Every structure is written in structure tokens, then in C-alpha cells.
Amino acid sequence: MATEEIWSRFSSSLRSFIDRRVNDDHDADDILQDVFLKIHQKAETVKDPTAVAAWVYQIARNSIVDYYRHRRATVALDRGRPA
């Protein structure tokens, strides 16, 4: 299945899926873009066309998890000054 076909079929439902899990609109846009970049890079690996929806949503779930992992990893820790 071509990336353009996947985009037209899933973009609005994926955006809603991401919006329900991420509060920031800009971050949701970034995640959606990341999802479709991954889809574009790996589209030729899909062997079963009936499994495209599950594959697309799994990429979205993994991208959302990555988003929260990176946010947690960039939180600065206040270590204080040694006495």
C-alpha cells in the first residue's frame, strides 16, 4: 500500500488517536509527522494488506510512548549544591 493511500485513509483518525493521548497540539502534529515518516520508510515491509491498520496504529502507539520517554528524560534534576 502506498504512503499516500495510507495518509488519505488514516491521517484524520490517527490525529484523533494521538490527540486523545497527548495534550499539546504542536506535539501531536510532531508525533503524527513522525508516524508518517516511519510509515513511509517501512511501507514496503508490510506483507499483509489486511494488517495495515494494526501496523499503523502500532507505530502511533510506539511513537507516543517514545514522546513520553523523551519528555521524562529531559526533565532537569535539581541536585542542589554541596555543603
PDB file of N, CA and C in Angstrom:
ATOM      1  N   MET A   1       0.859  -1.178   0.000  1.00  0.00           N
ATOM      2  CA  MET A   1       0.000   0.000   0.000  1.00  0.00           C
ATOM      3  C   MET A   1       0.900   1.235   0.000  1.00  0.00           C
ATOM      4  N   ALA A   2       0.588   2.206  -0.823  1.00  0.00           N
ATOM      5  CA  ALA A   2       1.382   3.420  -0.954  1.00  0.00           C
ATOM      6  C   ALA A   2       1.165   4.345   0.243  1.00  0.00           C
ATOM      7  N   THR A   3       2.203   5.103   0.548  1.00  0.00           N
ATOM      8  CA  THR A   3       2.135   6.045   1.667  1.00  0.00           C
ATOM      9  C   THR A   3       0.989   7.034   1.491  1.00  0.00           C
ATOM     10  N   GLU A   4       0.767   7.504   0.272  1.00  0.00           N
ATOM     11  CA  GLU A   4      -0.311   8.462   0.010  1.00  0.00           C
ATOM     12  C   GLU A   4      -1.679   7.861   0.331  1.00  0.00           C
ATOM     13  N   GLU A   5      -1.834   6.592   0.003  1.00  0.00           N
ATOM     14  CA  GLU A   5      -3.097   5.909   0.287  1.00  0.00           C
ATOM     15  C   GLU A   5      -3.288   5.744   1.799  1.00  0.00           C
ATOM     16  N   ILE A   6      -2.208   5.404   2.482  1.00  0.00           N
ATOM     17  CA  ILE A   6      -2.268   5.273   3.943  1.00  0.00           C
ATOM     18  C   ILE A   6      -2.605   6.629   4.562  1.00  0.00           C
ATOM     19  N   TRP A   7      -1.989   7.701   4.055  1.00  0.00           N
ATOM     20  CA  TRP A   7      -2.260   9.051   4.566  1.00  0.00           C
ATOM     21  C   TRP A   7      -3.738   9.395   4.397  1.00  0.00           C
ATOM     22  N   SER A   8      -4.275   9.200   3.202  1.00  0.00           N
ATOM     23  CA  SER A   8      -5.677   9.572   2.967  1.00  0.00           C
ATOM     24  C   SER A   8      -6.635   8.712   3.786  1.00  0.00           C
ATOM     25  N   ARG A   9      -6.259   7.495   4.038  1.00  0.00           N
ATOM     26  CA  ARG A   9      -7.135   6.580   4.780  1.00  0.00           C
ATOM     27  C   ARG A   9      -7.069   6.781   6.291  1.00  0.00           C
ATOM     28  N   PHE A  10      -5.885   7.119   6.826  1.00  0.00           N
ATOM     29  CA  PHE A  10      -5.696   7.106   8.274  1.00  0.00           C
ATOM     30  C   PHE A  10      -5.344   8.445   8.920  1.00  0.00           C
ATOM     31  N   SER A  11      -5.007   9.475   8.178  1.00  0.00           N
ATOM     32  CA  SER A  11      -4.463  10.684   8.808  1.00  0.00           C
ATOM     33  C   SER A  11      -5.401  11.324   9.830  1.00  0.00           C
ATOM     34  N   SER A  12      -6.678  11.466   9.510  1.00  0.00           N
ATOM     35  CA  SER A  12      -7.575  12.133  10.458  1.00  0.00           C
ATOM     36  C   SER A  12      -7.858  11.260  11.688  1.00  0.00           C
ATOM     37  N   SER A  13      -8.017   9.966  11.485  1.00  0.00           N
ATOM     38  CA  SER A  13      -8.268   9.099  12.645  1.00  0.00           C
ATOM     39  C   SER A  13      -7.012   8.949  13.499  1.00  0.00           C
ATOM     40  N   LEU A  14      -5.845   8.939  12.869  1.00  0.00           N
ATOM     41  CA  LEU A  14      -4.604   8.886  13.645  1.00  0.00           C
ATOM     42  C   LEU A  14      -4.412  10.157  14.451  1.00  0.00           C
ATOM     43  N   ARG A  15      -4.729  11.299  13.842  1.00  0.00           N
ATOM     44  CA  ARG A  15      -4.599  12.575  14.566  1.00  0.00           C
ATOM     45  C   ARG A  15      -5.511  12.562  15.799  1.00  0.00           C
ATOM     46  N   SER A  16      -6.714  12.087  15.659  1.00  0.00           N
ATOM     47  CA  SER A  16      -7.634  11.989  16.801  1.00  0.00           C
ATOM     48  C   SER A  16      -7.089  11.031  17.853  1.00  0.00           C
ATOM     49  N   PHE A  17      -6.555   9.919  17.413  1.00  0.00           N
ATOM     50  CA  PHE A  17      -5.955   8.926  18.302  1.00  0.00           C
ATOM     51  C   PHE A  17      -4.828   9.559  19.114  1.00  0.00           C
ATOM     52  N   ILE A  18      -3.970  10.310  18.447  1.00  0.00           N
ATOM     53  CA  ILE A  18      -2.844  10.967  19.120  1.00  0.00           C
ATOM     54  C   ILE A  18      -3.347  12.079  20.033  1.00  0.00           C
ATOM     55  N   ASP A  19      -4.313  12.867  19.577  1.00  0.00           N
ATOM     56  CA  ASP A  19      -4.864  13.968  20.382  1.00  0.00           C
ATOM     57  C   ASP A  19      -5.427  13.489  21.717  1.00  0.00           C
ATOM     58  N   ARG A  20      -6.016  12.309  21.729  1.00  0.00           N
ATOM     59  CA  ARG A  20      -6.585  11.782  22.970  1.00  0.00           C
ATOM     60  C   ARG A  20      -5.506  11.393  23.977  1.00  0.00           C
ATOM     61  N   ARG A  21      -4.273  11.245  23.510  1.00  0.00           N
ATOM     62  CA  ARG A  21      -3.194  10.784  24.382  1.00  0.00           C
ATOM     63  C   ARG A  21      -2.140  11.845  24.669  1.00  0.00           C
ATOM     64  N   VAL A  22      -2.136  12.925  23.883  1.00  0.00           N
ATOM     65  CA  VAL A  22      -1.147  13.994  24.031  1.00  0.00           C
ATOM     66  C   VAL A  22      -1.902  15.316  24.110  1.00  0.00           C
ATOM     67  N   ASN A  23      -1.618  16.118  25.117  1.00  0.00           N
ATOM     68  CA  ASN A  23      -2.382  17.343  25.350  1.00  0.00           C
ATOM     69  C   ASN A  23      -1.975  18.521  24.477  1.00  0.00           C
ATOM     70  N   ASP A  24      -0.765  18.541  23.977  1.00  0.00           N
ATOM     71  CA  ASP A  24      -0.255  19.686  23.229  1.00  0.00           C
ATOM     72  C   ASP A  24      -0.445  19.476  21.722  1.00  0.00           C
ATOM     73  N   ASP A  25      -1.094  20.459  21.054  1.00  0.00           N
ATOM     74  CA  ASP A  25      -1.365  20.345  19.613  1.00  0.00           C
ATOM     75  C   ASP A  25      -0.090  20.270  18.782  1.00  0.00           C
ATOM     76  N   HIS A  26       0.908  21.061  19.148  1.00  0.00           N
ATOM     77  CA  HIS A  26       2.171  21.049  18.388  1.00  0.00           C
ATOM     78  C   HIS A  26       2.876  19.706  18.525  1.00  0.00           C
ATOM     79  N   ASP A  27       2.866  19.159  19.733  1.00  0.00           N
ATOM     80  CA  ASP A  27       3.469  17.842  19.938  1.00  0.00           C
ATOM     81  C   ASP A  27       2.704  16.763  19.179  1.00  0.00           C
ATOM     82  N   ALA A  28       1.384  16.871  19.147  1.00  0.00           N
ATOM     83  CA  ALA A  28       0.567  15.909  18.398  1.00  0.00           C
ATOM     84  C   ALA A  28       0.902  15.983  16.905  1.00  0.00           C
ATOM     85  N   ASP A  29       1.092  17.203  16.387  1.00  0.00           N
ATOM     86  CA  ASP A  29       1.496  17.351  14.983  1.00  0.00           C
ATOM     87  C   ASP A  29       2.850  16.691  14.731  1.00  0.00           C
ATOM     88  N   ASP A  30       3.789  16.904  15.648  1.00  0.00           N
ATOM     89  CA  ASP A  30       5.123  16.314  15.509  1.00  0.00           C
ATOM     90  C   ASP A  30       5.049  14.788  15.530  1.00  0.00           C
ATOM     91  N   ILE A  31       4.237  14.250  16.428  1.00  0.00           N
ATOM     92  CA  ILE A  31       4.097  12.797  16.517  1.00  0.00           C
ATOM     93  C   ILE A  31       3.468  12.244  15.242  1.00  0.00           C
ATOM     94  N   LEU A  32       2.431  12.912  14.749  1.00  0.00           N
ATOM     95  CA  LEU A  32       1.787  12.463  13.510  1.00  0.00           C
ATOM     96  C   LEU A  32       2.788  12.483  12.354  1.00  0.00           C
ATOM     97  N   GLN A  33       3.592  13.528  12.281  1.00  0.00           N
ATOM     98  CA  GLN A  33       4.611  13.603  11.238  1.00  0.00           C
ATOM     99  C   GLN A  33       5.624  12.469  11.392  1.00  0.00           C
ATOM    100  N   ASP A  34       6.030  12.193  12.623  1.00  0.00           N
ATOM    101  CA  ASP A  34       6.970  11.111  12.888  1.00  0.00           C
ATOM    102  C   ASP A  34       6.374   9.760  12.480  1.00  0.00           C
ATOM    103  N   VAL A  35       5.109   9.562  12.787  1.00  0.00           N
ATOM    104  CA  VAL A  35       4.429   8.315  12.421  1.00  0.00           C
ATOM    105  C   VAL A  35       4.446   8.117  10.914  1.00  0.00           C
ATOM    106  N   PHE A  36       4.117   9.164  10.169  1.00  0.00           N
ATOM    107  CA  PHE A  36       4.079   9.001   8.721  1.00  0.00           C
ATOM    108  C   PHE A  36       5.466   8.921   8.097  1.00  0.00           C
ATOM    109  N   LEU A  37       6.455   9.491   8.725  1.00  0.00           N
ATOM    110  CA  LEU A  37       7.821   9.295   8.259  1.00  0.00           C
ATOM    111  C   LEU A  37       8.212   7.822   8.404  1.00  0.00           C
ATOM    112  N   LYS A  38       7.892   7.235   9.549  1.00  0.00           N
ATOM    113  CA  LYS A  38       8.180   5.813   9.770  1.00  0.00           C
ATOM    114  C   LYS A  38       7.384   4.935   8.806  1.00  0.00           C
ATOM    115  N   ILE A  39       6.138   5.294   8.567  1.00  0.00           N
ATOM    116  CA  ILE A  39       5.316   4.540   7.619  1.00  0.00           C
ATOM    117  C   ILE A  39       5.942   4.605   6.228  1.00  0.00           C
ATOM    118  N   HIS A  40       6.342   5.786   5.828  1.00  0.00           N
ATOM    119  CA  HIS A  40       6.948   5.960   4.502  1.00  0.00           C
ATOM    120  C   HIS A  40       8.234   5.136   4.372  1.00  0.00           C
ATOM    121  N   GLN A  41       9.028   5.122   5.428  1.00  0.00           N
ATOM    122  CA  GLN A  41      10.299   4.398   5.384  1.00  0.00           C
ATOM    123  C   GLN A  41      10.108   2.888   5.363  1.00  0.00           C
ATOM    124  N   LYS A  42       9.027   2.394   5.949  1.00  0.00           N
ATOM    125  CA  LYS A  42       8.840   0.946   6.098  1.00  0.00           C
ATOM    126  C   LYS A  42       7.644   0.381   5.340  1.00  0.00           C
ATOM    127  N   ALA A  43       6.977   1.167   4.522  1.00  0.00           N
ATOM    128  CA  ALA A  43       5.747   0.725   3.861  1.00  0.00           C
ATOM    129  C   ALA A  43       5.947  -0.542   3.036  1.00  0.00           C
ATOM    130  N   GLU A  44       7.117  -0.702   2.450  1.00  0.00           N
ATOM    131  CA  GLU A  44       7.347  -1.880   1.609  1.00  0.00           C
ATOM    132  C   GLU A  44       7.496  -3.161   2.415  1.00  0.00           C
ATOM    133  N   THR A  45       7.632  -3.044   3.732  1.00  0.00           N
ATOM    134  CA  THR A  45       7.794  -4.244   4.559  1.00  0.00           C
ATOM    135  C   THR A  45       6.465  -4.894   4.938  1.00  0.00           C
ATOM    136  N   VAL A  46       5.359  -4.212   4.695  1.00  0.00           N
ATOM    137  CA  VAL A  46       4.043  -4.760   5.033  1.00  0.00           C
ATOM    138  C   VAL A  46       3.702  -5.861   4.038  1.00  0.00           C
ATOM    139  N   LYS A  47       3.558  -7.048   4.553  1.00  0.00           N
ATOM    140  CA  LYS A  47       3.295  -8.198   3.684  1.00  0.00           C
ATOM    141  C   LYS A  47       1.802  -8.522   3.567  1.00  0.00           C
ATOM    142  N   ASP A  48       1.045  -8.177   4.593  1.00  0.00           N
ATOM    143  CA  ASP A  48      -0.383  -8.482   4.606  1.00  0.00           C
ATOM    144  C   ASP A  48      -1.183  -7.180   4.559  1.00  0.00           C
ATOM    145  N   PRO A  49      -1.788  -6.847   3.421  1.00  0.00           N
ATOM    146  CA  PRO A  49      -2.537  -5.589   3.307  1.00  0.00           C
ATOM    147  C   PRO A  49      -3.701  -5.482   4.287  1.00  0.00           C
ATOM    148  N   THR A  50      -4.199  -6.606   4.791  1.00  0.00           N
ATOM    149  CA  THR A  50      -5.299  -6.540   5.750  1.00  0.00           C
ATOM    150  C   THR A  50      -4.813  -6.126   7.129  1.00  0.00           C
ATOM    151  N   ALA A  51      -3.502  -6.140   7.338  1.00  0.00           N
ATOM    152  CA  ALA A  51      -2.935  -5.787   8.639  1.00  0.00           C
ATOM    153  C   ALA A  51      -2.406  -4.360   8.691  1.00  0.00           C
ATOM    154  N   VAL A  52      -2.663  -3.567   7.665  1.00  0.00           N
ATOM    155  CA  VAL A  52      -2.125  -2.208   7.604  1.00  0.00           C
ATOM    156  C   VAL A  52      -2.617  -1.356   8.773  1.00  0.00           C
ATOM    157  N   ALA A  53      -3.893  -1.428   9.078  1.00  0.00           N
ATOM    158  CA  ALA A  53      -4.441  -0.604  10.163  1.00  0.00           C
ATOM    159  C   ALA A  53      -3.765  -0.933  11.487  1.00  0.00           C
ATOM    160  N   ALA A  54      -3.628  -2.192  11.803  1.00  0.00           N
ATOM    161  CA  ALA A  54      -2.971  -2.584  13.055  1.00  0.00           C
ATOM    162  C   ALA A  54      -1.526  -2.105  13.072  1.00  0.00           C
ATOM    163  N   TRP A  55      -0.838  -2.226  11.951  1.00  0.00           N
ATOM    164  CA  TRP A  55       0.553  -1.797  11.837  1.00  0.00           C
ATOM    165  C   TRP A  55       0.681  -0.288  12.034  1.00  0.00           C
ATOM    166  N   VAL A  56      -0.188   0.476  11.398  1.00  0.00           N
ATOM    167  CA  VAL A  56      -0.167   1.942  11.501  1.00  0.00           C
ATOM    168  C   VAL A  56      -0.414   2.378  12.941  1.00  0.00           C
ATOM    169  N   TYR A  57      -1.397   1.796  13.593  1.00  0.00           N
ATOM    170  CA  TYR A  57      -1.702   2.186  14.971  1.00  0.00           C
ATOM    171  C   TYR A  57      -0.624   1.716  15.945  1.00  0.00           C
ATOM    172  N   GLN A  58       0.044   0.627  15.645  1.00  0.00           N
ATOM    173  CA  GLN A  58       1.160   0.203  16.494  1.00  0.00           C
ATOM    174  C   GLN A  58       2.311   1.199  16.388  1.00  0.00           C
ATOM    175  N   ILE A  59       2.577   1.690  15.204  1.00  0.00           N
ATOM    176  CA  ILE A  59       3.595   2.726  15.034  1.00  0.00           C
ATOM    177  C   ILE A  59       3.203   3.974  15.822  1.00  0.00           C
ATOM    178  N   ALA A  60       1.944   4.347  15.761  1.00  0.00           N
ATOM    179  CA  ALA A  60       1.474   5.524  16.504  1.00  0.00           C
ATOM    180  C   ALA A  60       1.625   5.319  18.007  1.00  0.00           C
ATOM    181  N   ARG A  61       1.238   4.149  18.508  1.00  0.00           N
ATOM    182  CA  ARG A  61       1.385   3.876  19.946  1.00  0.00           C
ATOM    183  C   ARG A  61       2.848   3.947  20.367  1.00  0.00           C
ATOM    184  N   ASN A  62       3.718   3.351  19.573  1.00  0.00           N
ATOM    185  CA  ASN A  62       5.145   3.382  19.901  1.00  0.00           C
ATOM    186  C   ASN A  62       5.700   4.801  19.855  1.00  0.00           C
ATOM    187  N   SER A  63       5.248   5.605  18.921  1.00  0.00           N
ATOM    188  CA  SER A  63       5.704   6.994  18.827  1.00  0.00           C
ATOM    189  C   SER A  63       5.240   7.809  20.021  1.00  0.00           C
ATOM    190  N   ILE A  64       4.038   7.547  20.502  1.00  0.00           N
ATOM    191  CA  ILE A  64       3.535   8.242  21.694  1.00  0.00           C
ATOM    192  C   ILE A  64       4.347   7.834  22.924  1.00  0.00           C
ATOM    193  N   VAL A  65       4.649   6.565  23.052  1.00  0.00           N
ATOM    194  CA  VAL A  65       5.486   6.092  24.159  1.00  0.00           C
ATOM    195  C   VAL A  65       6.862   6.749  24.095  1.00  0.00           C
ATOM    196  N   ASP A  66       7.441   6.817  22.903  1.00  0.00           N
ATOM    197  CA  ASP A  66       8.743   7.474  22.737  1.00  0.00           C
ATOM    198  C   ASP A  66       8.673   8.944  23.138  1.00  0.00           C
ATOM    199  N   TYR A  67       7.593   9.607  22.772  1.00  0.00           N
ATOM    200  CA  TYR A  67       7.392  11.009  23.128  1.00  0.00           C
ATOM    201  C   TYR A  67       7.436  11.181  24.645  1.00  0.00           C
ATOM    202  N   TYR A  68       6.711  10.358  25.376  1.00  0.00           N
ATOM    203  CA  TYR A  68       6.702  10.478  26.836  1.00  0.00           C
ATOM    204  C   TYR A  68       8.034  10.069  27.455  1.00  0.00           C
ATOM    205  N   ARG A  69       8.711   9.102  26.884  1.00  0.00           N
ATOM    206  CA  ARG A  69      10.045   8.725  27.375  1.00  0.00           C
ATOM    207  C   ARG A  69      11.022   9.883  27.233  1.00  0.00           C
ATOM    208  N   HIS A  70      11.002  10.526  26.089  1.00  0.00           N
ATOM    209  CA  HIS A  70      11.918  11.642  25.863  1.00  0.00           C
ATOM    210  C   HIS A  70      11.584  12.834  26.747  1.00  0.00           C
ATOM    211  N   ARG A  71      10.329  13.078  26.982  1.00  0.00           N
ATOM    212  CA  ARG A  71       9.940  14.182  27.879  1.00  0.00           C
ATOM    213  C   ARG A  71      10.434  13.915  29.282  1.00  0.00           C
ATOM    214  N   ARG A  72      10.287  12.686  29.738  1.00  0.00           N
ATOM    215  CA  ARG A  72      10.731  12.336  31.085  1.00  0.00           C
ATOM    216  C   ARG A  72      12.248  12.444  31.189  1.00  0.00           C
ATOM    217  N   ALA A  73      12.956  12.062  30.147  1.00  0.00           N
ATOM    218  CA  ALA A  73      14.416  12.057  30.163  1.00  0.00           C
ATOM    219  C   ALA A  73      14.999  13.462  30.138  1.00  0.00           C
ATOM    220  N   THR A  74      14.259  14.445  29.662  1.00  0.00           N
ATOM    221  CA  THR A  74      14.795  15.803  29.559  1.00  0.00           C
ATOM    222  C   THR A  74      14.434  16.689  30.735  1.00  0.00           C
ATOM    223  N   VAL A  75      13.757  16.169  31.718  1.00  0.00           N
ATOM    224  CA  VAL A  75      13.402  16.959  32.903  1.00  0.00           C
ATOM    225  C   VAL A  75      14.677  17.147  33.726  1.00  0.00           C
ATOM    226  N   ALA A  76      14.991  18.412  34.004  1.00  0.00           N
ATOM    227  CA  ALA A  76      16.208  18.711  34.754  1.00  0.00           C
ATOM    228  C   ALA A  76      16.020  18.342  36.222  1.00  0.00           C
ATOM    229  N   LEU A  77      17.059  17.787  36.778  1.00  0.00           N
ATOM    230  CA  LEU A  77      17.043  17.432  38.191  1.00  0.00           C
ATOM    231  C   LEU A  77      17.768  18.501  38.981  1.00  0.00           C
ATOM    232  N   ASP A  78      17.182  18.912  40.075  1.00  0.00           N
ATOM    233  CA  ASP A  78      17.811  19.886  40.944  1.00  0.00           C
ATOM    234  C   ASP A  78      18.610  19.134  41.991  1.00  0.00           C
ATOM    235  N   ARG A  79      19.906  19.071  41.800  1.00  0.00           N
ATOM    236  CA  ARG A  79      20.757  18.314  42.705  1.00  0.00           C
ATOM    237  C   ARG A  79      21.231  19.144  43.881  1.00  0.00           C
ATOM    238  N   GLY A  80      21.013  20.433  43.812  1.00  0.00           N
ATOM    239  CA  GLY A  80      21.470  21.278  44.905  1.00  0.00           C
ATOM    240  C   GLY A  80      22.987  21.421  44.889  1.00  0.00           C
ATOM    241  N   ARG A  81      23.478  22.243  45.774  1.00  0.00           N
ATOM    242  CA  ARG A  81      24.919  22.470  45.841  1.00  0.00           C
ATOM    243  C   ARG A  81      25.481  21.712  47.041  1.00  0.00           C
ATOM    244  N   PRO A  82      26.676  21.199  46.885  1.00  0.00           N
ATOM    245  CA  PRO A  82      27.293  20.500  48.020  1.00  0.00           C
ATOM    246  C   PRO A  82      27.593  21.487  49.150  1.00  0.00           C
ATOM    247  N   ALA A  83      27.528  20.995  50.345  1.00  0.00           N
ATOM    248  CA  ALA A  83      27.722  21.863  51.516  1.00  0.00           C
ATOM    249  C   ALA A  83      29.160  22.179  51.765  1.00  0.00           C
TER     250      ALA A  83
END
